[in-house]
Amino acid sequence: LFYNLESAILRAVGDSVIPLVILIISTILNIVLDIVMVVVFPLGGAGAALATVIAQFISAVVCLIYLIKKRAFLMVKPRDFKFTASSTAELLSAGCGMALMYSIVDIGSIVLQNGINGFGEDIIAAHTAARKIFSLTIMPFSALSATLVTYASQNRGAGKYSRIGKGVRDGLLLGFACAAFDVLLVYTLGHAMVGIILPDVASYVEDTAVLYLRVNVPFYFFLTVLLELRSTLQGLGHSVIPIVASIIELVWKICTVAFMIPWLEYMGVIVSEPIIWTLCAIVIGIIALMTLRRLPKDDAVQMKGAADDKRAG
């Protein structure tokens, strides 16, 4: 909790390097402590858990020391701990909106997994392997989405609205480049990647996992539009639209279990997410485009207007 809070504060003021460095050090420390706690001191699962807690504690302390030494203007004082309804409402709106959005998506995945479990061990193994590779290949999109939340909110707060559109454009271009790389990777090395996760399995299982990837990965172009623009809207304070999109995704996954799987069997699972990515990307894309076009084009006018509002108040 404390490390994530500290790193989020640093990213909010444009410092994303130090949290990354601290995270890398913490990860290496966690690995070393895992070996010590499990091999040197045979503590088993409890030792691994202790190693993780120690590494997390150290990362939080180091990040706090950096904040105190290098970012003293961010440190809170006793007088800062006073309740204000407006700031509390804004924080709850943003935080609960994002939490609800991610929770709904995860609930949908659990519902879909329930339908997959009925196909037997071979399909479950193939799907699990494919999803591991899926989780790896979508990391750039998740990172870009998290970046755009901070980027959009930073520039919104600074009144530099003209930079938001440029950031979204560059983020989408990076996302499309990553999607193209993933397509190339899966279509050339798909069998090798699955083979690393599932060695010595029947060719049917490996082919099923590769089929899942080869159908899903080309739709990463729509997925990056969905994730990045949804995050941009979240950063601009529009929390309802991303939640509605997540609810639609949940409803579709329920429909997949109820109708698509009985009709198309496992192929219904394979095509489920590409369909909803495409539909939600189109809807979110239209809404985001309209929202960005309504933003002030002249930062000076916007900031002058804010100053006028302050004087009027």
C-alpha atoms as a PDB file:
ATOM      1  CA  LEU A   1       0.000   0.000   0.000  1.00  0.00           C
ATOM      2  CA  PHE A   2       2.677   2.515   1.025  1.00  0.00           C
ATOM      3  CA  TYR A   3       5.032   1.752  -1.869  1.00  0.00           C
ATOM      4  CA  ASN A   4       2.220   2.025  -4.419  1.00  0.00           C
ATOM      5  CA  LEU A   5       1.066   5.285  -2.826  1.00  0.00           C
ATOM      6  CA  GLU A   6       4.587   6.718  -2.825  1.00  0.00           C
ATOM      7  CA  SER A   7       5.357   5.648  -6.393  1.00  0.00           C
ATOM      8  CA  ALA A   8       2.027   7.045  -7.609  1.00  0.00           C
ATOM      9  CA  ILE A   9       2.829  10.402  -5.987  1.00  0.00           C
ATOM     10  CA  LEU A  10       6.237  10.451  -7.691  1.00  0.00           C
ATOM     11  CA  ARG A  11       4.738   9.560 -11.076  1.00  0.00           C
ATOM     12  CA  ALA A  12       2.146  12.307 -10.612  1.00  0.00           C
ATOM     13  CA  VAL A  13       4.957  14.887 -10.523  1.00  0.00           C
ATOM     14  CA  GLY A  14       6.698  13.338 -13.515  1.00  0.00           C
ATOM     15  CA  ASP A  15       9.261  11.140 -11.735  1.00  0.00           C
ATOM     16  CA  SER A  16       8.776   7.618 -13.066  1.00  0.00           C
ATOM     17  CA  VAL A  17      12.441   6.503 -12.999  1.00  0.00           C
ATOM     18  CA  ILE A  18      13.031   6.317  -9.240  1.00  0.00           C
ATOM     19  CA  PRO A  19       9.954   4.126  -8.524  1.00  0.00           C
ATOM     20  CA  LEU A  20      11.126   1.776 -11.297  1.00  0.00           C
ATOM     21  CA  VAL A  21      14.674   1.593  -9.888  1.00  0.00           C
ATOM     22  CA  ILE A  22      13.354   0.904  -6.394  1.00  0.00           C
ATOM     23  CA  LEU A  23      11.001  -1.759  -7.776  1.00  0.00           C
ATOM     24  CA  ILE A  24      13.873  -3.485  -9.622  1.00  0.00           C
ATOM     25  CA  ILE A  25      16.015  -3.481  -6.464  1.00  0.00           C
ATOM     26  CA  SER A  26      13.084  -4.831  -4.450  1.00  0.00           C
ATOM     27  CA  THR A  27      12.468  -7.605  -6.988  1.00  0.00           C
ATOM     28  CA  ILE A  28      16.126  -8.693  -6.970  1.00  0.00           C
ATOM     29  CA  LEU A  29      16.105  -8.603  -3.173  1.00  0.00           C
ATOM     30  CA  ASN A  30      12.930 -10.697  -3.141  1.00  0.00           C
ATOM     31  CA  ILE A  31      14.589 -13.361  -5.336  1.00  0.00           C
ATOM     32  CA  VAL A  32      17.705 -13.463  -3.145  1.00  0.00           C
ATOM     33  CA  LEU A  33      15.635 -13.675   0.040  1.00  0.00           C
ATOM     34  CA  ASP A  34      13.496 -16.440  -1.513  1.00  0.00           C
ATOM     35  CA  ILE A  35      16.637 -18.536  -1.984  1.00  0.00           C
ATOM     36  CA  VAL A  36      17.875 -17.753   1.522  1.00  0.00           C
ATOM     37  CA  MET A  37      14.533 -18.419   3.223  1.00  0.00           C
ATOM     38  CA  VAL A  38      13.697 -21.586   1.272  1.00  0.00           C
ATOM     39  CA  VAL A  39      17.111 -23.164   0.584  1.00  0.00           C
ATOM     40  CA  VAL A  40      19.397 -21.950   3.372  1.00  0.00           C
ATOM     41  CA  PHE A  41      16.655 -21.798   6.008  1.00  0.00           C
ATOM     42  CA  PRO A  42      14.113 -24.452   4.952  1.00  0.00           C
ATOM     43  CA  LEU A  43      11.015 -22.431   5.845  1.00  0.00           C
ATOM     44  CA  GLY A  44       9.008 -23.479   2.804  1.00  0.00           C
ATOM     45  CA  GLY A  45       6.016 -21.370   1.803  1.00  0.00           C
ATOM     46  CA  ALA A  46       6.235 -19.287   4.973  1.00  0.00           C
ATOM     47  CA  GLY A  47       9.826 -18.370   4.072  1.00  0.00           C
ATOM     48  CA  ALA A  48       8.821 -17.275   0.578  1.00  0.00           C
ATOM     49  CA  ALA A  49       6.022 -15.165   2.040  1.00  0.00           C
ATOM     50  CA  LEU A  50       8.408 -13.604   4.568  1.00  0.00           C
ATOM     51  CA  ALA A  51      10.879 -12.794   1.789  1.00  0.00           C
ATOM     52  CA  THR A  52       8.163 -10.971  -0.145  1.00  0.00           C
ATOM     53  CA  VAL A  53       7.060  -8.960   2.894  1.00  0.00           C
ATOM     54  CA  ILE A  54      10.639  -7.936   3.724  1.00  0.00           C
ATOM     55  CA  ALA A  55      11.304  -6.845   0.135  1.00  0.00           C
ATOM     56  CA  GLN A  56       8.072  -4.853   0.030  1.00  0.00           C
ATOM     57  CA  PHE A  57       8.834  -3.213   3.386  1.00  0.00           C
ATOM     58  CA  ILE A  58      12.299  -2.161   2.240  1.00  0.00           C
ATOM     59  CA  SER A  59      10.948  -0.740  -1.035  1.00  0.00           C
ATOM     60  CA  ALA A  60       8.409   1.356   0.901  1.00  0.00           C
ATOM     61  CA  VAL A  61      11.063   2.647   3.322  1.00  0.00           C
ATOM     62  CA  VAL A  62      13.570   3.497   0.564  1.00  0.00           C
ATOM     63  CA  CYS A  63      10.882   5.311  -1.423  1.00  0.00           C
ATOM     64  CA  LEU A  64       9.847   7.252   1.696  1.00  0.00           C
ATOM     65  CA  ILE A  65      13.470   8.282   2.361  1.00  0.00           C
ATOM     66  CA  TYR A  66      13.760   9.503  -1.235  1.00  0.00           C
ATOM     67  CA  LEU A  67      10.576  11.533  -0.853  1.00  0.00           C
ATOM     68  CA  ILE A  68      11.870  13.136   2.362  1.00  0.00           C
ATOM     69  CA  LYS A  69      15.326  13.917   0.962  1.00  0.00           C
ATOM     70  CA  LYS A  70      14.585  14.867  -2.630  1.00  0.00           C
ATOM     71  CA  ARG A  71      10.888  15.765  -2.769  1.00  0.00           C
ATOM     72  CA  ALA A  72      10.365  17.560   0.513  1.00  0.00           C
ATOM     73  CA  PHE A  73       7.611  19.744  -0.952  1.00  0.00           C
ATOM     74  CA  LEU A  74       5.447  16.602  -1.209  1.00  0.00           C
ATOM     75  CA  MET A  75       5.646  15.740   2.478  1.00  0.00           C
ATOM     76  CA  VAL A  76       2.441  16.267   4.414  1.00  0.00           C
ATOM     77  CA  LYS A  77       2.279  18.097   7.738  1.00  0.00           C
ATOM     78  CA  PRO A  78      -0.235  17.809  10.601  1.00  0.00           C
ATOM     79  CA  ARG A  79      -2.142  20.834   9.320  1.00  0.00           C
ATOM     80  CA  ASP A  80      -2.715  19.025   6.008  1.00  0.00           C
ATOM     81  CA  PHE A  81      -4.870  16.377   7.693  1.00  0.00           C
ATOM     82  CA  LYS A  82      -8.189  18.108   7.474  1.00  0.00           C
ATOM     83  CA  PHE A  83     -11.329  16.859   5.784  1.00  0.00           C
ATOM     84  CA  THR A  84     -12.656  18.655   2.724  1.00  0.00           C
ATOM     85  CA  ALA A  85     -15.761  17.352   1.041  1.00  0.00           C
ATOM     86  CA  SER A  86     -14.757  18.415  -2.485  1.00  0.00           C
ATOM     87  CA  SER A  87     -11.320  16.763  -2.534  1.00  0.00           C
ATOM     88  CA  THR A  88     -12.645  13.640  -0.815  1.00  0.00           C
ATOM     89  CA  ALA A  89     -15.452  13.307  -3.359  1.00  0.00           C
ATOM     90  CA  GLU A  90     -13.005  13.726  -6.244  1.00  0.00           C
ATOM     91  CA  LEU A  91     -10.605  11.134  -4.823  1.00  0.00           C
ATOM     92  CA  LEU A  92     -13.402   8.638  -4.176  1.00  0.00           C
ATOM     93  CA  SER A  93     -14.834   9.202  -7.639  1.00  0.00           C
ATOM     94  CA  ALA A  94     -11.503   8.558  -9.339  1.00  0.00           C
ATOM     95  CA  GLY A  95     -10.307   5.747  -7.082  1.00  0.00           C
ATOM     96  CA  CYS A  96     -13.568   3.839  -6.758  1.00  0.00           C
ATOM     97  CA  GLY A  97     -14.233   4.270 -10.461  1.00  0.00           C
ATOM     98  CA  MET A  98     -10.932   2.652 -11.421  1.00  0.00           C
ATOM     99  CA  ALA A  99     -11.271  -0.051  -8.762  1.00  0.00           C
ATOM    100  CA  LEU A 100     -14.787  -0.911  -9.920  1.00  0.00           C
ATOM    101  CA  MET A 101     -13.674  -0.948 -13.552  1.00  0.00           C
ATOM    102  CA  TYR A 102     -10.850  -3.440 -12.916  1.00  0.00           C
ATOM    103  CA  SER A 103     -13.007  -5.520 -10.579  1.00  0.00           C
ATOM    104  CA  ILE A 104     -15.725  -5.901 -13.191  1.00  0.00           C
ATOM    105  CA  VAL A 105     -13.169  -7.007 -15.790  1.00  0.00           C
ATOM    106  CA  ASP A 106     -11.736  -9.607 -13.388  1.00  0.00           C
ATOM    107  CA  ILE A 107     -15.200 -10.885 -12.478  1.00  0.00           C
ATOM    108  CA  GLY A 108     -15.852 -11.366 -16.186  1.00  0.00           C
ATOM    109  CA  SER A 109     -12.671 -13.427 -16.492  1.00  0.00           C
ATOM    110  CA  ILE A 110     -13.774 -15.623 -13.581  1.00  0.00           C
ATOM    111  CA  VAL A 111     -17.169 -16.164 -15.225  1.00  0.00           C
ATOM    112  CA  LEU A 112     -15.496 -17.087 -18.511  1.00  0.00           C
ATOM    113  CA  GLN A 113     -13.086 -19.455 -16.759  1.00  0.00           C
ATOM    114  CA  ASN A 114     -16.081 -21.275 -15.287  1.00  0.00           C
ATOM    115  CA  GLY A 115     -17.255 -22.056 -18.819  1.00  0.00           C
ATOM    116  CA  ILE A 116     -13.781 -23.177 -19.893  1.00  0.00           C
ATOM    117  CA  ASN A 117     -13.463 -25.629 -17.006  1.00  0.00           C
ATOM    118  CA  GLY A 118     -16.082 -27.863 -18.606  1.00  0.00           C
ATOM    119  CA  PHE A 119     -13.902 -28.699 -21.626  1.00  0.00           C
ATOM    120  CA  GLY A 120     -11.523 -31.073 -19.855  1.00  0.00           C
ATOM    121  CA  GLU A 121      -7.845 -31.060 -18.922  1.00  0.00           C
ATOM    122  CA  ASP A 122      -6.388 -30.697 -22.436  1.00  0.00           C
ATOM    123  CA  ILE A 123      -8.335 -27.543 -23.283  1.00  0.00           C
ATOM    124  CA  ILE A 124      -7.723 -26.108 -19.807  1.00  0.00           C
ATOM    125  CA  ALA A 125      -3.977 -26.699 -20.211  1.00  0.00           C
ATOM    126  CA  ALA A 126      -3.963 -25.131 -23.683  1.00  0.00           C
ATOM    127  CA  HIS A 127      -5.994 -22.139 -22.512  1.00  0.00           C
ATOM    128  CA  THR A 128      -3.794 -21.627 -19.441  1.00  0.00           C
ATOM    129  CA  ALA A 129      -0.633 -21.639 -21.570  1.00  0.00           C
ATOM    130  CA  ALA A 130      -2.158 -19.236 -24.089  1.00  0.00           C
ATOM    131  CA  ARG A 131      -3.282 -16.871 -21.343  1.00  0.00           C
ATOM    132  CA  LYS A 132       0.212 -16.826 -19.814  1.00  0.00           C
ATOM    133  CA  ILE A 133       1.618 -15.680 -23.154  1.00  0.00           C
ATOM    134  CA  PHE A 134      -1.321 -13.303 -23.517  1.00  0.00           C
ATOM    135  CA  SER A 135      -0.528 -11.749 -20.128  1.00  0.00           C
ATOM    136  CA  LEU A 136       3.077 -11.251 -21.196  1.00  0.00           C
ATOM    137  CA  THR A 137       2.295  -9.721 -24.576  1.00  0.00           C
ATOM    138  CA  ILE A 138      -0.277  -7.211 -23.290  1.00  0.00           C
ATOM    139  CA  MET A 139       2.082  -5.728 -20.674  1.00  0.00           C
ATOM    140  CA  PRO A 140       3.041  -2.810 -22.968  1.00  0.00           C
ATOM    141  CA  PHE A 141      -0.638  -1.894 -23.397  1.00  0.00           C
ATOM    142  CA  SER A 142      -1.230  -2.002 -19.641  1.00  0.00           C
ATOM    143  CA  ALA A 143       1.830   0.195 -19.080  1.00  0.00           C
ATOM    144  CA  LEU A 144       0.756   2.706 -21.732  1.00  0.00           C
ATOM    145  CA  SER A 145      -2.744   2.814 -20.257  1.00  0.00           C
ATOM    146  CA  ALA A 146      -1.440   3.495 -16.762  1.00  0.00           C
ATOM    147  CA  THR A 147       0.820   6.186 -18.216  1.00  0.00           C
ATOM    148  CA  LEU A 148      -2.040   7.932 -19.981  1.00  0.00           C
ATOM    149  CA  VAL A 149      -4.110   8.131 -16.794  1.00  0.00           C
ATOM    150  CA  THR A 150      -1.295  10.070 -15.137  1.00  0.00           C
ATOM    151  CA  TYR A 151      -0.419  12.037 -18.266  1.00  0.00           C
ATOM    152  CA  ALA A 152      -3.991  13.169 -18.951  1.00  0.00           C
ATOM    153  CA  SER A 153      -4.650  14.102 -15.319  1.00  0.00           C
ATOM    154  CA  GLN A 154      -1.310  15.957 -15.016  1.00  0.00           C
ATOM    155  CA  ASN A 155      -2.003  18.130 -18.044  1.00  0.00           C
ATOM    156  CA  ARG A 156      -5.630  18.592 -17.078  1.00  0.00           C
ATOM    157  CA  GLY A 157      -4.516  19.918 -13.693  1.00  0.00           C
ATOM    158  CA  ALA A 158      -1.883  22.182 -15.284  1.00  0.00           C
ATOM    159  CA  GLY A 159      -4.349  23.534 -17.841  1.00  0.00           C
ATOM    160  CA  LYS A 160      -2.176  22.284 -20.718  1.00  0.00           C
ATOM    161  CA  TYR A 161      -4.979  20.640 -22.644  1.00  0.00           C
ATOM    162  CA  SER A 162      -3.248  20.865 -26.021  1.00  0.00           C
ATOM    163  CA  ARG A 163      -0.678  18.316 -24.842  1.00  0.00           C
ATOM    164  CA  ILE A 164      -3.302  15.677 -24.036  1.00  0.00           C
ATOM    165  CA  GLY A 165      -4.224  14.998 -27.663  1.00  0.00           C
ATOM    166  CA  LYS A 166      -0.545  14.740 -28.621  1.00  0.00           C
ATOM    167  CA  GLY A 167       0.096  12.310 -25.780  1.00  0.00           C
ATOM    168  CA  VAL A 168      -2.859  10.145 -26.774  1.00  0.00           C
ATOM    169  CA  ARG A 169      -1.661  10.114 -30.394  1.00  0.00           C
ATOM    170  CA  ASP A 170       1.861   9.086 -29.430  1.00  0.00           C
ATOM    171  CA  GLY A 171       0.534   6.481 -26.999  1.00  0.00           C
ATOM    172  CA  LEU A 172      -1.648   4.922 -29.685  1.00  0.00           C
ATOM    173  CA  LEU A 173       1.246   4.855 -32.154  1.00  0.00           C
ATOM    174  CA  LEU A 174       3.413   3.065 -29.591  1.00  0.00           C
ATOM    175  CA  GLY A 175       0.563   0.671 -28.866  1.00  0.00           C
ATOM    176  CA  PHE A 176       0.080  -0.112 -32.558  1.00  0.00           C
ATOM    177  CA  ALA A 177       3.819  -0.765 -32.908  1.00  0.00           C
ATOM    178  CA  CYS A 178       3.681  -3.189 -29.960  1.00  0.00           C
ATOM    179  CA  ALA A 179       0.607  -4.878 -31.459  1.00  0.00           C
ATOM    180  CA  ALA A 180       2.387  -5.352 -34.792  1.00  0.00           C
ATOM    181  CA  PHE A 181       5.402  -6.843 -32.983  1.00  0.00           C
ATOM    182  CA  ASP A 182       3.131  -9.240 -31.054  1.00  0.00           C
ATOM    183  CA  VAL A 183       1.440 -10.383 -34.259  1.00  0.00           C
ATOM    184  CA  LEU A 184       4.832 -11.082 -35.830  1.00  0.00           C
ATOM    185  CA  LEU A 185       6.001 -12.865 -32.687  1.00  0.00           C
ATOM    186  CA  VAL A 186       2.972 -15.136 -32.368  1.00  0.00           C
ATOM    187  CA  TYR A 187       2.777 -16.066 -36.038  1.00  0.00           C
ATOM    188  CA  THR A 188       6.487 -16.923 -36.260  1.00  0.00           C
ATOM    189  CA  LEU A 189       7.311 -18.280 -32.783  1.00  0.00           C
ATOM    190  CA  GLY A 190       3.885 -19.235 -31.423  1.00  0.00           C
ATOM    191  CA  HIS A 191       4.579 -22.973 -31.238  1.00  0.00           C
ATOM    192  CA  ALA A 192       7.990 -22.407 -29.641  1.00  0.00           C
ATOM    193  CA  MET A 193       6.509 -20.083 -26.998  1.00  0.00           C
ATOM    194  CA  VAL A 194       3.759 -22.556 -26.111  1.00  0.00           C
ATOM    195  CA  GLY A 195       6.318 -25.379 -26.082  1.00  0.00           C
ATOM    196  CA  ILE A 196       8.296 -23.613 -23.360  1.00  0.00           C
ATOM    197  CA  ILE A 197       5.228 -23.523 -21.115  1.00  0.00           C
ATOM    198  CA  LEU A 198       3.835 -26.931 -22.137  1.00  0.00           C
ATOM    199  CA  PRO A 199       6.741 -29.255 -22.960  1.00  0.00           C
ATOM    200  CA  ASP A 200       5.977 -32.821 -24.006  1.00  0.00           C
ATOM    201  CA  VAL A 201       2.253 -32.378 -24.612  1.00  0.00           C
ATOM    202  CA  ALA A 202       0.083 -33.693 -27.406  1.00  0.00           C
ATOM    203  CA  SER A 203       0.234 -31.677 -30.610  1.00  0.00           C
ATOM    204  CA  TYR A 204      -3.520 -31.078 -30.311  1.00  0.00           C
ATOM    205  CA  VAL A 205      -3.034 -29.178 -27.038  1.00  0.00           C
ATOM    206  CA  GLU A 206      -0.195 -27.071 -28.464  1.00  0.00           C
ATOM    207  CA  ASP A 207      -2.136 -26.339 -31.658  1.00  0.00           C
ATOM    208  CA  THR A 208      -5.161 -25.233 -29.619  1.00  0.00           C
ATOM    209  CA  ALA A 209      -3.077 -22.783 -27.591  1.00  0.00           C
ATOM    210  CA  VAL A 210      -1.456 -21.382 -30.727  1.00  0.00           C
ATOM    211  CA  LEU A 211      -4.867 -21.057 -32.402  1.00  0.00           C
ATOM    212  CA  TYR A 212      -6.103 -19.008 -29.440  1.00  0.00           C
ATOM    213  CA  LEU A 213      -3.142 -16.658 -29.770  1.00  0.00           C
ATOM    214  CA  ARG A 214      -3.328 -16.331 -33.549  1.00  0.00           C
ATOM    215  CA  VAL A 215      -6.993 -15.370 -33.405  1.00  0.00           C
ATOM    216  CA  ASN A 216      -6.680 -12.989 -30.449  1.00  0.00           C
ATOM    217  CA  VAL A 217      -3.375 -11.194 -31.054  1.00  0.00           C
ATOM    218  CA  PRO A 218      -4.344  -9.444 -34.346  1.00  0.00           C
ATOM    219  CA  PHE A 219      -7.116  -7.729 -32.378  1.00  0.00           C
ATOM    220  CA  TYR A 220      -4.553  -6.100 -30.091  1.00  0.00           C
ATOM    221  CA  PHE A 221      -4.900  -3.041 -32.327  1.00  0.00           C
ATOM    222  CA  PHE A 222      -8.469  -2.666 -31.047  1.00  0.00           C
ATOM    223  CA  LEU A 223      -7.412  -3.611 -27.508  1.00  0.00           C
ATOM    224  CA  THR A 224      -4.828  -0.824 -27.330  1.00  0.00           C
ATOM    225  CA  VAL A 225      -7.452   1.699 -28.501  1.00  0.00           C
ATOM    226  CA  LEU A 226      -9.855   0.438 -25.836  1.00  0.00           C
ATOM    227  CA  LEU A 227      -7.359   0.410 -22.960  1.00  0.00           C
ATOM    228  CA  GLU A 228      -5.571   3.667 -23.736  1.00  0.00           C
ATOM    229  CA  LEU A 229      -8.629   5.764 -24.514  1.00  0.00           C
ATOM    230  CA  ARG A 230     -10.519   4.343 -21.549  1.00  0.00           C
ATOM    231  CA  SER A 231      -7.596   5.351 -19.323  1.00  0.00           C
ATOM    232  CA  THR A 232      -7.445   8.799 -20.942  1.00  0.00           C
ATOM    233  CA  LEU A 233     -11.109   9.374 -20.126  1.00  0.00           C
ATOM    234  CA  GLN A 234     -10.434   8.229 -16.575  1.00  0.00           C
ATOM    235  CA  GLY A 235      -7.582  10.723 -16.306  1.00  0.00           C
ATOM    236  CA  LEU A 236      -9.839  13.500 -17.574  1.00  0.00           C
ATOM    237  CA  GLY A 237     -12.329  12.789 -14.813  1.00  0.00           C
ATOM    238  CA  HIS A 238     -14.863  10.841 -16.901  1.00  0.00           C
ATOM    239  CA  SER A 239     -15.170   7.751 -14.687  1.00  0.00           C
ATOM    240  CA  VAL A 240     -18.675   6.628 -15.666  1.00  0.00           C
ATOM    241  CA  ILE A 241     -17.962   5.774 -19.314  1.00  0.00           C
ATOM    242  CA  PRO A 242     -15.062   3.361 -18.555  1.00  0.00           C
ATOM    243  CA  ILE A 243     -17.218   1.635 -15.918  1.00  0.00           C
ATOM    244  CA  VAL A 244     -20.096   1.233 -18.401  1.00  0.00           C
ATOM    245  CA  ALA A 245     -17.670  -0.244 -20.953  1.00  0.00           C
ATOM    246  CA  SER A 246     -16.423  -2.701 -18.319  1.00  0.00           C
ATOM    247  CA  ILE A 247     -19.999  -3.696 -17.449  1.00  0.00           C
ATOM    248  CA  ILE A 248     -20.701  -4.330 -21.139  1.00  0.00           C
ATOM    249  CA  GLU A 249     -17.597  -6.537 -21.244  1.00  0.00           C
ATOM    250  CA  LEU A 250     -18.839  -8.469 -18.195  1.00  0.00           C
ATOM    251  CA  VAL A 251     -22.304  -8.972 -19.722  1.00  0.00           C
ATOM    252  CA  TRP A 252     -20.731 -10.201 -22.955  1.00  0.00           C
ATOM    253  CA  LYS A 253     -18.602 -12.776 -21.108  1.00  0.00           C
ATOM    254  CA  ILE A 254     -21.727 -14.037 -19.342  1.00  0.00           C
ATOM    255  CA  CYS A 255     -23.386 -14.323 -22.761  1.00  0.00           C
ATOM    256  CA  THR A 256     -20.323 -16.204 -24.007  1.00  0.00           C
ATOM    257  CA  VAL A 257     -20.750 -18.825 -21.289  1.00  0.00           C
ATOM    258  CA  ALA A 258     -24.519 -19.008 -21.792  1.00  0.00           C
ATOM    259  CA  PHE A 259     -24.714 -18.979 -25.611  1.00  0.00           C
ATOM    260  CA  MET A 260     -21.360 -18.873 -27.445  1.00  0.00           C
ATOM    261  CA  ILE A 261     -19.789 -21.896 -25.740  1.00  0.00           C
ATOM    262  CA  PRO A 262     -22.824 -24.196 -26.238  1.00  0.00           C
ATOM    263  CA  TRP A 263     -22.923 -23.096 -29.909  1.00  0.00           C
ATOM    264  CA  LEU A 264     -19.240 -22.942 -30.894  1.00  0.00           C
ATOM    265  CA  GLU A 265     -17.630 -24.868 -28.008  1.00  0.00           C
ATOM    266  CA  TYR A 266     -14.060 -23.686 -27.315  1.00  0.00           C
ATOM    267  CA  MET A 267     -14.039 -21.536 -30.455  1.00  0.00           C
ATOM    268  CA  GLY A 268     -16.681 -19.450 -28.710  1.00  0.00           C
ATOM    269  CA  VAL A 269     -14.106 -18.676 -26.009  1.00  0.00           C
ATOM    270  CA  ILE A 270     -11.426 -17.874 -28.585  1.00  0.00           C
ATOM    271  CA  VAL A 271     -13.524 -15.289 -30.451  1.00  0.00           C
ATOM    272  CA  SER A 272     -15.266 -13.850 -27.381  1.00  0.00           C
ATOM    273  CA  GLU A 273     -12.725 -11.215 -26.389  1.00  0.00           C
ATOM    274  CA  PRO A 274     -11.844 -10.057 -29.933  1.00  0.00           C
ATOM    275  CA  ILE A 275     -15.535  -9.334 -30.524  1.00  0.00           C
ATOM    276  CA  ILE A 276     -15.996  -7.279 -27.354  1.00  0.00           C
ATOM    277  CA  TRP A 277     -12.630  -5.505 -27.780  1.00  0.00           C
ATOM    278  CA  THR A 278     -13.683  -4.377 -31.230  1.00  0.00           C
ATOM    279  CA  LEU A 279     -17.142  -3.161 -30.220  1.00  0.00           C
ATOM    280  CA  CYS A 280     -15.973  -1.374 -27.061  1.00  0.00           C
ATOM    281  CA  ALA A 281     -12.998   0.173 -28.882  1.00  0.00           C
ATOM    282  CA  ILE A 282     -15.330   1.697 -31.477  1.00  0.00           C
ATOM    283  CA  VAL A 283     -17.677   3.114 -28.823  1.00  0.00           C
ATOM    284  CA  ILE A 284     -14.880   4.371 -26.526  1.00  0.00           C
ATOM    285  CA  GLY A 285     -13.015   5.748 -29.537  1.00  0.00           C
ATOM    286  CA  ILE A 286     -15.986   7.851 -30.642  1.00  0.00           C
ATOM    287  CA  ILE A 287     -16.614   9.140 -27.104  1.00  0.00           C
ATOM    288  CA  ALA A 288     -12.922   9.907 -26.529  1.00  0.00           C
ATOM    289  CA  LEU A 289     -12.639  11.725 -29.857  1.00  0.00           C
ATOM    290  CA  MET A 290     -15.655  13.896 -29.009  1.00  0.00           C
ATOM    291  CA  THR A 291     -14.244  14.564 -25.525  1.00  0.00           C
ATOM    292  CA  LEU A 292     -10.805  15.547 -26.827  1.00  0.00           C
ATOM    293  CA  ARG A 293     -12.312  17.850 -29.453  1.00  0.00           C
ATOM    294  CA  ARG A 294     -14.225  19.707 -26.753  1.00  0.00           C
ATOM    295  CA  LEU A 295     -11.052  20.498 -24.822  1.00  0.00           C
ATOM    296  CA  PRO A 296      -9.750  24.084 -25.089  1.00  0.00           C
ATOM    297  CA  LYS A 297      -7.181  24.458 -27.865  1.00  0.00           C
ATOM    298  CA  ASP A 298      -5.391  27.453 -26.355  1.00  0.00           C
ATOM    299  CA  ASP A 299      -3.730  26.729 -23.023  1.00  0.00           C
ATOM    300  CA  ALA A 300      -3.246  30.446 -22.321  1.00  0.00           C
ATOM    301  CA  VAL A 301      -6.985  31.076 -22.679  1.00  0.00           C
ATOM    302  CA  GLN A 302      -7.754  28.161 -20.395  1.00  0.00           C
ATOM    303  CA  MET A 303      -5.287  29.276 -17.738  1.00  0.00           C
ATOM    304  CA  LYS A 304      -6.465  32.892 -18.001  1.00  0.00           C
ATOM    305  CA  GLY A 305     -10.019  31.663 -17.547  1.00  0.00           C
ATOM    306  CA  ALA A 306      -8.963  29.734 -14.453  1.00  0.00           C
ATOM    307  CA  ALA A 307      -7.296  32.839 -13.044  1.00  0.00           C
ATOM    308  CA  ASP A 308     -10.426  34.892 -13.762  1.00  0.00           C
ATOM    309  CA  ASP A 309     -12.540  32.269 -12.009  1.00  0.00           C
ATOM    310  CA  LYS A 310     -10.208  32.394  -9.012  1.00  0.00           C
ATOM    311  CA  ARG A 311     -10.421  36.193  -8.794  1.00  0.00           C
ATOM    312  CA  ALA A 312     -14.193  36.058  -9.164  1.00  0.00           C
ATOM    313  CA  GLY A 313     -14.360  33.524  -6.350  1.00  0.00           C
END
